[in-house]
Amino acid sequence: MRSYDKYIAALFAFLMIGFLILAAISEPFFNWAYERHQNQLSWYIRPLFLIPFCYFAYKHSLAGISITVFCLFTSMFWFSAPATVSEDVKMFLQFEKDWLMKDWDISKVLLVLTIPLSFILLSTAFWKRSLWLGLAVIILMATGKVLWSISNAGEAGMSIIVPAVTGLLICLVFIYCGHMRLHRRKNETSSPE
């Protein structure tokens, strides 16, 4: 599988770019995806993709990283549209939708570029096996999302807090425990008998 790692990574990067282009040029697809994104299950599972993302970075698997990011992006429409949606969720998603559809200037482009930059920093931290730097990046990612949501969407932005904090805590615990287990296993295999 290692010999195909770069090819698989390139395939899923291509699929992800295709997904982003489709969402940008097809308003019906964009609306269909956002309608399903009202299901808060997608809000809760999305942060959990950071766990395999960090694992694959630790294992130096570009394919694993690329597949995980593709799953993270597409998970917003994995669940069916909910029968009922709270007003805060509706308002927040409408704000996000409007924000994405409005005019793009340099400040918006730079803000959006912080997303891939944060994933690059996160993968680099775990690629280099720096647990504390990786955890710090995850905390900054979650904090940035919450602060941006509240400062721009007001009270509706508060709807993101519980899923974000829940996801953050689960990620921190699983990544810390996983890193310690991998580190311990590595030490056991390298220690002389």
N, C-alpha and C. Protein backbone atom coordinates (compact mmCIF):
# COMPACT_ATOMS: atom_id res chain seq x y z
N MET A 1 0.82 -1.20 0.00
CA MET A 1 0.00 0.00 0.00
C MET A 1 0.87 1.26 0.00
N ARG A 2 2.03 1.17 0.63
CA ARG A 2 2.93 2.33 0.72
C ARG A 2 3.32 2.85 -0.66
N SER A 3 3.48 1.92 -1.64
CA SER A 3 3.92 2.34 -2.97
C SER A 3 2.84 3.14 -3.69
N TYR A 4 1.59 2.99 -3.28
CA TYR A 4 0.48 3.73 -3.90
C TYR A 4 0.07 4.95 -3.10
N ASP A 5 0.76 5.23 -2.03
CA ASP A 5 0.36 6.29 -1.10
C ASP A 5 0.17 7.63 -1.81
N LYS A 6 1.13 8.05 -2.60
CA LYS A 6 1.05 9.36 -3.26
C LYS A 6 -0.05 9.39 -4.31
N TYR A 7 -0.26 8.28 -5.00
CA TYR A 7 -1.31 8.22 -6.03
C TYR A 7 -2.70 8.31 -5.40
N ILE A 8 -2.88 7.60 -4.30
CA ILE A 8 -4.17 7.64 -3.59
C ILE A 8 -4.40 9.04 -3.03
N ALA A 9 -3.35 9.63 -2.47
CA ALA A 9 -3.45 11.00 -1.94
C ALA A 9 -3.83 11.97 -3.06
N ALA A 10 -3.21 11.84 -4.22
CA ALA A 10 -3.51 12.72 -5.34
C ALA A 10 -4.95 12.53 -5.82
N LEU A 11 -5.42 11.28 -5.85
CA LEU A 11 -6.79 11.00 -6.27
C LEU A 11 -7.79 11.69 -5.35
N PHE A 12 -7.60 11.55 -4.03
CA PHE A 12 -8.56 12.16 -3.09
C PHE A 12 -8.41 13.67 -3.03
N ALA A 13 -7.22 14.19 -3.28
CA ALA A 13 -7.06 15.65 -3.37
C ALA A 13 -7.83 16.15 -4.59
N PHE A 14 -7.74 15.43 -5.70
CA PHE A 14 -8.48 15.78 -6.91
C PHE A 14 -9.99 15.74 -6.66
N LEU A 15 -10.46 14.67 -5.99
CA LEU A 15 -11.89 14.56 -5.67
C LEU A 15 -12.35 15.70 -4.77
N MET A 16 -11.50 16.09 -3.82
CA MET A 16 -11.85 17.18 -2.91
C MET A 16 -11.94 18.51 -3.66
N ILE A 17 -11.01 18.74 -4.56
CA ILE A 17 -11.04 19.96 -5.37
C ILE A 17 -12.30 19.95 -6.23
N GLY A 18 -12.63 18.78 -6.80
CA GLY A 18 -13.86 18.66 -7.59
C GLY A 18 -15.10 18.96 -6.77
N PHE A 19 -15.12 18.46 -5.53
CA PHE A 19 -16.24 18.73 -4.62
C PHE A 19 -16.36 20.22 -4.34
N LEU A 20 -15.24 20.88 -4.07
CA LEU A 20 -15.26 22.32 -3.78
C LEU A 20 -15.70 23.13 -5.00
N ILE A 21 -15.24 22.73 -6.17
CA ILE A 21 -15.66 23.43 -7.40
C ILE A 21 -17.16 23.23 -7.62
N LEU A 22 -17.64 22.00 -7.45
CA LEU A 22 -19.07 21.73 -7.61
C LEU A 22 -19.90 22.58 -6.66
N ALA A 23 -19.45 22.67 -5.40
CA ALA A 23 -20.17 23.48 -4.42
C ALA A 23 -20.13 24.96 -4.79
N ALA A 24 -19.04 25.40 -5.42
CA ALA A 24 -18.91 26.81 -5.78
C ALA A 24 -19.72 27.19 -7.01
N ILE A 25 -19.87 26.27 -7.96
CA ILE A 25 -20.54 26.63 -9.22
C ILE A 25 -21.99 26.15 -9.31
N SER A 26 -22.38 25.21 -8.44
CA SER A 26 -23.74 24.68 -8.52
C SER A 26 -24.53 25.07 -7.27
N GLU A 27 -25.36 26.08 -7.43
CA GLU A 27 -26.17 26.51 -6.29
C GLU A 27 -27.13 25.43 -5.80
N PRO A 28 -27.77 24.63 -6.71
CA PRO A 28 -28.63 23.54 -6.22
C PRO A 28 -27.87 22.53 -5.35
N PHE A 29 -26.64 22.18 -5.77
CA PHE A 29 -25.84 21.25 -4.96
C PHE A 29 -25.47 21.90 -3.63
N PHE A 30 -25.05 23.15 -3.66
CA PHE A 30 -24.68 23.88 -2.45
C PHE A 30 -25.86 23.91 -1.48
N ASN A 31 -27.07 24.22 -1.97
CA ASN A 31 -28.26 24.28 -1.13
C ASN A 31 -28.63 22.90 -0.59
N TRP A 32 -28.49 21.86 -1.44
CA TRP A 32 -28.78 20.48 -1.02
C TRP A 32 -27.86 20.08 0.12
N ALA A 33 -26.56 20.39 -0.01
CA ALA A 33 -25.59 20.05 1.03
C ALA A 33 -25.88 20.81 2.32
N TYR A 34 -26.18 22.10 2.21
CA TYR A 34 -26.45 22.90 3.41
C TYR A 34 -27.73 22.48 4.11
N GLU A 35 -28.70 22.02 3.34
CA GLU A 35 -29.94 21.53 3.95
C GLU A 35 -29.65 20.33 4.84
N ARG A 36 -28.78 19.44 4.39
CA ARG A 36 -28.41 18.27 5.19
C ARG A 36 -27.47 18.64 6.33
N HIS A 37 -26.72 19.71 6.14
CA HIS A 37 -25.79 20.16 7.19
C HIS A 37 -26.56 20.72 8.40
N GLN A 38 -27.85 20.94 8.25
CA GLN A 38 -28.66 21.37 9.39
C GLN A 38 -28.78 20.25 10.42
N ASN A 39 -28.53 19.02 10.01
CA ASN A 39 -28.53 17.89 10.93
C ASN A 39 -27.28 18.00 11.80
N GLN A 40 -27.47 18.23 13.08
CA GLN A 40 -26.33 18.51 13.95
C GLN A 40 -25.42 17.31 14.17
N LEU A 41 -25.85 16.12 13.75
CA LEU A 41 -24.93 14.99 13.83
C LEU A 41 -23.66 15.29 13.04
N SER A 42 -23.81 15.97 11.90
CA SER A 42 -22.62 16.32 11.12
C SER A 42 -21.74 17.31 11.87
N TRP A 43 -22.32 18.14 12.71
CA TRP A 43 -21.54 19.09 13.50
C TRP A 43 -20.71 18.36 14.55
N TYR A 44 -21.27 17.28 15.07
CA TYR A 44 -20.57 16.53 16.12
C TYR A 44 -19.48 15.62 15.56
N ILE A 45 -19.72 15.05 14.36
CA ILE A 45 -18.71 14.11 13.86
C ILE A 45 -17.55 14.80 13.16
N ARG A 46 -17.77 15.98 12.62
CA ARG A 46 -16.71 16.63 11.84
C ARG A 46 -15.41 16.83 12.63
N PRO A 47 -15.46 17.31 13.86
CA PRO A 47 -14.19 17.46 14.59
C PRO A 47 -13.48 16.13 14.84
N LEU A 48 -14.25 15.03 14.89
CA LEU A 48 -13.66 13.73 15.18
C LEU A 48 -12.74 13.24 14.06
N PHE A 49 -12.88 13.82 12.88
CA PHE A 49 -11.98 13.44 11.79
C PHE A 49 -10.54 13.90 12.05
N LEU A 50 -10.37 14.78 13.02
CA LEU A 50 -9.00 15.18 13.37
C LEU A 50 -8.21 14.03 13.99
N ILE A 51 -8.93 13.06 14.57
CA ILE A 51 -8.24 11.91 15.19
C ILE A 51 -7.54 11.07 14.12
N PRO A 52 -8.25 10.56 13.09
CA PRO A 52 -7.50 9.82 12.05
C PRO A 52 -6.54 10.71 11.27
N PHE A 53 -6.88 11.99 11.10
CA PHE A 53 -5.98 12.91 10.41
C PHE A 53 -4.62 12.94 11.12
N CYS A 54 -4.64 13.10 12.44
CA CYS A 54 -3.39 13.15 13.21
C CYS A 54 -2.67 11.80 13.18
N TYR A 55 -3.45 10.72 13.24
CA TYR A 55 -2.85 9.37 13.19
C TYR A 55 -2.10 9.17 11.87
N PHE A 56 -2.75 9.52 10.76
CA PHE A 56 -2.12 9.33 9.46
C PHE A 56 -0.91 10.26 9.28
N ALA A 57 -0.97 11.45 9.84
CA ALA A 57 0.20 12.33 9.79
C ALA A 57 1.34 11.71 10.59
N TYR A 58 1.02 11.16 11.75
CA TYR A 58 2.02 10.49 12.60
C TYR A 58 2.65 9.32 11.85
N LYS A 59 1.83 8.60 11.07
CA LYS A 59 2.30 7.44 10.31
C LYS A 59 2.87 7.81 8.94
N HIS A 60 2.91 9.10 8.64
CA HIS A 60 3.45 9.60 7.37
C HIS A 60 2.70 9.04 6.17
N SER A 61 1.37 8.99 6.27
CA SER A 61 0.54 8.49 5.19
C SER A 61 -0.21 9.64 4.52
N LEU A 62 0.27 10.06 3.36
CA LEU A 62 -0.40 11.13 2.62
C LEU A 62 -1.79 10.69 2.17
N ALA A 63 -1.92 9.41 1.80
CA ALA A 63 -3.22 8.89 1.38
C ALA A 63 -4.22 8.97 2.53
N GLY A 64 -3.80 8.55 3.71
CA GLY A 64 -4.69 8.60 4.88
C GLY A 64 -5.12 10.03 5.20
N ILE A 65 -4.18 10.96 5.11
CA ILE A 65 -4.49 12.37 5.36
C ILE A 65 -5.51 12.88 4.34
N SER A 66 -5.24 12.58 3.07
CA SER A 66 -6.10 13.06 1.99
C SER A 66 -7.50 12.47 2.07
N ILE A 67 -7.60 11.18 2.35
CA ILE A 67 -8.92 10.53 2.48
C ILE A 67 -9.68 11.12 3.65
N THR A 68 -8.99 11.36 4.76
CA THR A 68 -9.63 11.92 5.95
C THR A 68 -10.17 13.33 5.68
N VAL A 69 -9.39 14.16 5.01
CA VAL A 69 -9.85 15.52 4.70
C VAL A 69 -11.05 15.47 3.75
N PHE A 70 -11.00 14.56 2.77
CA PHE A 70 -12.14 14.39 1.86
C PHE A 70 -13.40 14.00 2.64
N CYS A 71 -13.26 13.06 3.57
CA CYS A 71 -14.40 12.64 4.40
C CYS A 71 -14.89 13.79 5.27
N LEU A 72 -13.98 14.57 5.82
CA LEU A 72 -14.36 15.72 6.65
C LEU A 72 -15.20 16.71 5.84
N PHE A 73 -14.75 17.02 4.63
CA PHE A 73 -15.48 17.98 3.80
C PHE A 73 -16.86 17.45 3.41
N THR A 74 -16.93 16.19 3.02
CA THR A 74 -18.20 15.64 2.53
C THR A 74 -19.15 15.25 3.64
N SER A 75 -18.66 15.11 4.87
CA SER A 75 -19.52 14.65 5.97
C SER A 75 -20.66 15.63 6.28
N MET A 76 -20.57 16.84 5.78
CA MET A 76 -21.64 17.81 6.04
C MET A 76 -22.97 17.36 5.44
N PHE A 77 -22.92 16.47 4.43
CA PHE A 77 -24.19 16.02 3.84
C PHE A 77 -24.38 14.51 3.93
N TRP A 78 -23.70 13.85 4.85
CA TRP A 78 -23.88 12.41 5.04
C TRP A 78 -25.24 12.07 5.63
N PHE A 79 -25.77 12.97 6.45
CA PHE A 79 -27.02 12.70 7.15
C PHE A 79 -28.18 13.38 6.43
N SER A 80 -29.35 12.79 6.59
CA SER A 80 -30.53 13.39 5.94
C SER A 80 -30.90 14.70 6.63
N ALA A 81 -31.61 15.52 5.89
CA ALA A 81 -32.06 16.80 6.46
C ALA A 81 -32.99 16.49 7.64
N PRO A 82 -32.82 17.18 8.75
CA PRO A 82 -33.66 16.90 9.93
C PRO A 82 -35.09 17.40 9.75
N ALA A 83 -36.01 16.74 10.45
CA ALA A 83 -37.43 17.14 10.38
C ALA A 83 -37.62 18.51 11.01
N THR A 84 -36.94 18.75 12.12
CA THR A 84 -37.04 20.05 12.79
C THR A 84 -35.63 20.59 13.04
N VAL A 85 -35.51 21.89 12.94
CA VAL A 85 -34.22 22.55 13.14
C VAL A 85 -34.43 23.74 14.05
N SER A 86 -33.57 23.88 15.06
CA SER A 86 -33.70 25.02 15.97
C SER A 86 -33.43 26.31 15.21
N GLU A 87 -34.02 27.38 15.70
CA GLU A 87 -33.85 28.69 15.05
C GLU A 87 -32.39 29.13 15.02
N ASP A 88 -31.66 28.88 16.12
CA ASP A 88 -30.25 29.28 16.16
C ASP A 88 -29.44 28.57 15.08
N VAL A 89 -29.70 27.26 14.90
CA VAL A 89 -28.98 26.49 13.88
C VAL A 89 -29.32 27.04 12.50
N LYS A 90 -30.61 27.27 12.24
CA LYS A 90 -31.03 27.83 10.95
C LYS A 90 -30.35 29.18 10.70
N MET A 91 -30.37 30.03 11.71
CA MET A 91 -29.79 31.37 11.55
C MET A 91 -28.28 31.29 11.32
N PHE A 92 -27.61 30.41 12.07
CA PHE A 92 -26.16 30.31 11.92
C PHE A 92 -25.79 29.79 10.53
N LEU A 93 -26.48 28.74 10.09
CA LEU A 93 -26.17 28.19 8.77
C LEU A 93 -26.53 29.17 7.65
N GLN A 94 -27.59 29.93 7.85
CA GLN A 94 -27.93 30.95 6.86
C GLN A 94 -26.85 32.01 6.80
N PHE A 95 -26.34 32.38 7.99
CA PHE A 95 -25.24 33.35 8.04
C PHE A 95 -24.03 32.80 7.28
N GLU A 96 -23.64 31.53 7.57
CA GLU A 96 -22.48 30.93 6.90
C GLU A 96 -22.69 30.88 5.38
N LYS A 97 -23.88 30.48 4.99
CA LYS A 97 -24.22 30.38 3.56
C LYS A 97 -24.10 31.75 2.89
N ASP A 98 -24.70 32.76 3.50
CA ASP A 98 -24.63 34.12 2.96
C ASP A 98 -23.19 34.61 2.89
N TRP A 99 -22.43 34.32 3.93
CA TRP A 99 -21.04 34.74 4.00
C TRP A 99 -20.25 34.13 2.84
N LEU A 100 -20.47 32.84 2.58
CA LEU A 100 -19.76 32.16 1.50
C LEU A 100 -20.18 32.66 0.12
N MET A 101 -21.44 33.05 -0.02
CA MET A 101 -21.97 33.45 -1.33
C MET A 101 -21.72 34.93 -1.65
N LYS A 102 -21.44 35.74 -0.64
CA LYS A 102 -21.23 37.17 -0.89
C LYS A 102 -19.87 37.42 -1.53
N ASP A 103 -19.66 38.67 -1.91
CA ASP A 103 -18.42 39.07 -2.58
C ASP A 103 -17.20 38.65 -1.79
N TRP A 104 -16.21 38.20 -2.55
CA TRP A 104 -14.95 37.79 -1.95
C TRP A 104 -13.92 38.90 -2.18
N ASP A 105 -13.33 39.36 -1.08
CA ASP A 105 -12.25 40.32 -1.17
C ASP A 105 -10.99 39.67 -0.60
N ILE A 106 -9.91 40.40 -0.58
CA ILE A 106 -8.64 39.84 -0.12
C ILE A 106 -8.69 39.40 1.34
N SER A 107 -9.41 40.13 2.18
CA SER A 107 -9.47 39.75 3.60
C SER A 107 -10.23 38.44 3.79
N LYS A 108 -11.29 38.23 2.98
CA LYS A 108 -12.03 36.98 3.07
C LYS A 108 -11.18 35.81 2.56
N VAL A 109 -10.47 36.03 1.48
CA VAL A 109 -9.58 34.99 0.94
C VAL A 109 -8.52 34.62 1.97
N LEU A 110 -7.91 35.63 2.59
CA LEU A 110 -6.88 35.37 3.60
C LEU A 110 -7.46 34.62 4.80
N LEU A 111 -8.67 34.99 5.21
CA LEU A 111 -9.32 34.30 6.32
C LEU A 111 -9.58 32.84 5.98
N VAL A 112 -10.07 32.59 4.78
CA VAL A 112 -10.35 31.21 4.36
C VAL A 112 -9.06 30.41 4.23
N LEU A 113 -7.96 31.06 3.85
CA LEU A 113 -6.68 30.36 3.74
C LEU A 113 -6.13 29.90 5.09
N THR A 114 -6.67 30.44 6.18
CA THR A 114 -6.24 29.95 7.49
C THR A 114 -6.69 28.50 7.72
N ILE A 115 -7.72 28.06 6.98
CA ILE A 115 -8.19 26.68 7.14
C ILE A 115 -7.15 25.69 6.63
N PRO A 116 -6.74 25.78 5.33
CA PRO A 116 -5.70 24.84 4.91
C PRO A 116 -4.38 25.04 5.66
N LEU A 117 -4.08 26.29 6.03
CA LEU A 117 -2.86 26.54 6.79
C LEU A 117 -2.89 25.81 8.13
N SER A 118 -4.04 25.83 8.81
CA SER A 118 -4.12 25.14 10.10
C SER A 118 -3.98 23.63 9.93
N PHE A 119 -4.51 23.08 8.83
CA PHE A 119 -4.35 21.64 8.57
C PHE A 119 -2.91 21.30 8.22
N ILE A 120 -2.23 22.19 7.52
CA ILE A 120 -0.82 21.98 7.21
C ILE A 120 0.00 22.00 8.50
N LEU A 121 -0.29 22.97 9.38
CA LEU A 121 0.43 23.04 10.67
C LEU A 121 0.16 21.80 11.51
N LEU A 122 -1.11 21.35 11.51
CA LEU A 122 -1.46 20.17 12.30
C LEU A 122 -0.77 18.93 11.77
N SER A 123 -0.80 18.74 10.46
CA SER A 123 -0.14 17.55 9.89
C SER A 123 1.37 17.61 10.11
N THR A 124 1.95 18.80 9.99
CA THR A 124 3.39 18.94 10.22
C THR A 124 3.76 18.60 11.65
N ALA A 125 2.95 19.06 12.60
CA ALA A 125 3.23 18.77 14.01
C ALA A 125 3.25 17.27 14.28
N PHE A 126 2.25 16.55 13.76
CA PHE A 126 2.21 15.11 14.02
C PHE A 126 3.17 14.34 13.12
N TRP A 127 3.45 14.84 11.93
CA TRP A 127 4.45 14.22 11.06
C TRP A 127 5.80 14.21 11.77
N LYS A 128 6.07 15.33 12.48
CA LYS A 128 7.32 15.45 13.22
C LYS A 128 7.20 14.91 14.64
N ARG A 129 6.05 14.31 14.94
CA ARG A 129 5.77 13.65 16.22
C ARG A 129 5.79 14.62 17.41
N SER A 130 5.31 15.84 17.18
CA SER A 130 5.25 16.84 18.24
C SER A 130 3.82 16.88 18.81
N LEU A 131 3.59 16.10 19.84
CA LEU A 131 2.26 15.99 20.43
C LEU A 131 1.74 17.34 20.92
N TRP A 132 2.55 18.06 21.69
CA TRP A 132 2.07 19.29 22.31
C TRP A 132 1.79 20.39 21.29
N LEU A 133 2.62 20.47 20.27
CA LEU A 133 2.36 21.45 19.21
C LEU A 133 1.07 21.07 18.47
N GLY A 134 0.89 19.79 18.21
CA GLY A 134 -0.32 19.32 17.53
C GLY A 134 -1.58 19.62 18.33
N LEU A 135 -1.54 19.35 19.63
CA LEU A 135 -2.69 19.64 20.48
C LEU A 135 -2.96 21.14 20.55
N ALA A 136 -1.89 21.92 20.58
CA ALA A 136 -2.06 23.38 20.59
C ALA A 136 -2.75 23.86 19.31
N VAL A 137 -2.37 23.28 18.17
CA VAL A 137 -3.00 23.66 16.89
C VAL A 137 -4.48 23.29 16.90
N ILE A 138 -4.80 22.11 17.42
CA ILE A 138 -6.21 21.69 17.49
C ILE A 138 -7.02 22.66 18.36
N ILE A 139 -6.46 23.04 19.49
CA ILE A 139 -7.15 23.99 20.38
C ILE A 139 -7.34 25.33 19.67
N LEU A 140 -6.31 25.79 18.96
CA LEU A 140 -6.43 27.05 18.22
C LEU A 140 -7.48 26.96 17.10
N MET A 141 -7.55 25.81 16.42
CA MET A 141 -8.54 25.62 15.35
C MET A 141 -9.96 25.72 15.93
N ALA A 142 -10.20 25.00 17.03
CA ALA A 142 -11.54 25.00 17.64
C ALA A 142 -11.88 26.39 18.19
N THR A 143 -10.92 27.01 18.86
CA THR A 143 -11.14 28.34 19.43
C THR A 143 -11.41 29.36 18.33
N GLY A 144 -10.64 29.28 17.25
CA GLY A 144 -10.83 30.20 16.13
C GLY A 144 -12.21 30.06 15.51
N LYS A 145 -12.66 28.82 15.33
CA LYS A 145 -13.99 28.59 14.74
C LYS A 145 -15.09 29.16 15.64
N VAL A 146 -14.97 28.90 16.94
CA VAL A 146 -15.99 29.40 17.89
C VAL A 146 -15.98 30.92 17.93
N LEU A 147 -14.81 31.52 18.06
CA LEU A 147 -14.72 32.99 18.14
C LEU A 147 -15.23 33.65 16.85
N TRP A 148 -14.85 33.09 15.70
CA TRP A 148 -15.32 33.64 14.43
C TRP A 148 -16.84 33.54 14.34
N SER A 149 -17.39 32.38 14.75
CA SER A 149 -18.84 32.16 14.69
C SER A 149 -19.60 33.15 15.56
N ILE A 150 -19.13 33.32 16.80
CA ILE A 150 -19.83 34.21 17.73
C ILE A 150 -19.67 35.67 17.32
N SER A 151 -18.45 36.06 16.93
CA SER A 151 -18.23 37.47 16.60
C SER A 151 -18.92 37.88 15.31
N ASN A 152 -19.16 36.95 14.41
CA ASN A 152 -19.79 37.29 13.14
C ASN A 152 -21.28 36.96 13.07
N ALA A 153 -21.70 35.89 13.74
CA ALA A 153 -23.10 35.48 13.67
C ALA A 153 -23.88 35.80 14.94
N GLY A 154 -23.21 36.41 15.90
CA GLY A 154 -23.89 36.80 17.14
C GLY A 154 -24.41 35.61 17.93
N GLU A 155 -25.62 35.74 18.44
CA GLU A 155 -26.20 34.70 19.28
C GLU A 155 -26.35 33.38 18.53
N ALA A 156 -26.64 33.42 17.25
CA ALA A 156 -26.77 32.20 16.45
C ALA A 156 -25.44 31.44 16.42
N GLY A 157 -24.34 32.16 16.49
CA GLY A 157 -23.02 31.54 16.51
C GLY A 157 -22.77 30.71 17.75
N MET A 158 -23.55 30.97 18.80
CA MET A 158 -23.41 30.20 20.04
C MET A 158 -23.80 28.74 19.81
N SER A 159 -24.57 28.45 18.77
CA SER A 159 -25.02 27.08 18.51
C SER A 159 -23.86 26.15 18.19
N ILE A 160 -22.72 26.70 17.86
CA ILE A 160 -21.55 25.90 17.51
C ILE A 160 -20.76 25.47 18.74
N ILE A 161 -20.98 26.11 19.89
CA ILE A 161 -20.13 25.89 21.06
C ILE A 161 -20.16 24.45 21.55
N VAL A 162 -21.33 23.89 21.79
CA VAL A 162 -21.41 22.53 22.35
C VAL A 162 -20.77 21.50 21.41
N PRO A 163 -21.12 21.48 20.11
CA PRO A 163 -20.44 20.52 19.23
C PRO A 163 -18.93 20.74 19.15
N ALA A 164 -18.50 22.00 19.11
CA ALA A 164 -17.07 22.29 19.00
C ALA A 164 -16.31 21.86 20.25
N VAL A 165 -16.84 22.19 21.42
CA VAL A 165 -16.15 21.83 22.67
C VAL A 165 -16.17 20.32 22.88
N THR A 166 -17.31 19.69 22.59
CA THR A 166 -17.40 18.22 22.72
C THR A 166 -16.38 17.56 21.80
N GLY A 167 -16.36 17.97 20.54
CA GLY A 167 -15.40 17.42 19.59
C GLY A 167 -13.97 17.67 20.01
N LEU A 168 -13.70 18.87 20.50
CA LEU A 168 -12.35 19.22 20.95
C LEU A 168 -11.89 18.31 22.09
N LEU A 169 -12.74 18.14 23.09
CA LEU A 169 -12.36 17.31 24.25
C LEU A 169 -12.14 15.86 23.84
N ILE A 170 -13.03 15.32 23.00
CA ILE A 170 -12.86 13.93 22.54
C ILE A 170 -11.56 13.80 21.76
N CYS A 171 -11.29 14.74 20.88
CA CYS A 171 -10.05 14.71 20.08
C CYS A 171 -8.81 14.77 20.97
N LEU A 172 -8.81 15.68 21.91
CA LEU A 172 -7.64 15.83 22.79
C LEU A 172 -7.36 14.53 23.56
N VAL A 173 -8.42 13.93 24.10
CA VAL A 173 -8.23 12.70 24.88
C VAL A 173 -7.75 11.56 23.99
N PHE A 174 -8.43 11.34 22.85
CA PHE A 174 -8.07 10.22 21.98
C PHE A 174 -6.69 10.41 21.36
N ILE A 175 -6.38 11.62 20.94
CA ILE A 175 -5.07 11.86 20.33
C ILE A 175 -3.96 11.72 21.36
N TYR A 176 -4.18 12.25 22.56
CA TYR A 176 -3.16 12.12 23.62
C TYR A 176 -2.93 10.64 23.95
N CYS A 177 -4.02 9.91 24.20
CA CYS A 177 -3.90 8.49 24.56
C CYS A 177 -3.30 7.68 23.41
N GLY A 178 -3.74 7.98 22.18
CA GLY A 178 -3.19 7.27 21.02
C GLY A 178 -1.71 7.54 20.84
N HIS A 179 -1.32 8.80 21.01
CA HIS A 179 0.10 9.15 20.86
C HIS A 179 0.93 8.44 21.93
N MET A 180 0.44 8.42 23.16
CA MET A 180 1.18 7.75 24.23
C MET A 180 1.30 6.25 23.95
N ARG A 181 0.24 5.67 23.43
CA ARG A 181 0.27 4.23 23.13
C ARG A 181 1.26 3.92 22.01
N LEU A 182 1.23 4.72 20.94
CA LEU A 182 2.17 4.52 19.83
C LEU A 182 3.61 4.74 20.30
N HIS A 183 3.81 5.75 21.13
CA HIS A 183 5.14 6.04 21.65
C HIS A 183 5.65 4.90 22.53
N ARG A 184 4.75 4.38 23.38
CA ARG A 184 5.11 3.27 24.26
C ARG A 184 5.44 2.02 23.43
N ARG A 185 4.62 1.74 22.41
CA ARG A 185 4.86 0.58 21.55
C ARG A 185 6.19 0.71 20.82
N LYS A 186 6.50 1.92 20.37
CA LYS A 186 7.77 2.16 19.67
C LYS A 186 8.94 1.92 20.61
N ASN A 187 8.81 2.37 21.85
CA ASN A 187 9.89 2.17 22.84
C ASN A 187 10.08 0.69 23.16
N GLU A 188 8.96 -0.06 23.23
CA GLU A 188 9.04 -1.49 23.54
C GLU A 188 9.73 -2.26 22.44
N THR A 189 9.45 -1.91 21.19
CA THR A 189 10.07 -2.62 20.06
C THR A 189 11.53 -2.25 19.86
N SER A 190 11.91 -1.03 20.29
CA SER A 190 13.29 -0.60 20.09
C SER A 190 14.20 -0.93 21.27
N SER A 191 13.60 -1.27 22.44
CA SER A 191 14.44 -1.55 23.61
C SER A 191 15.05 -2.96 23.50
N PRO A 192 16.31 -3.09 23.91
CA PRO A 192 16.97 -4.41 23.84
C PRO A 192 16.35 -5.37 24.83
N GLU A 193 16.30 -6.66 24.46
CA GLU A 193 15.69 -7.67 25.35
C GLU A 193 16.70 -8.16 26.35
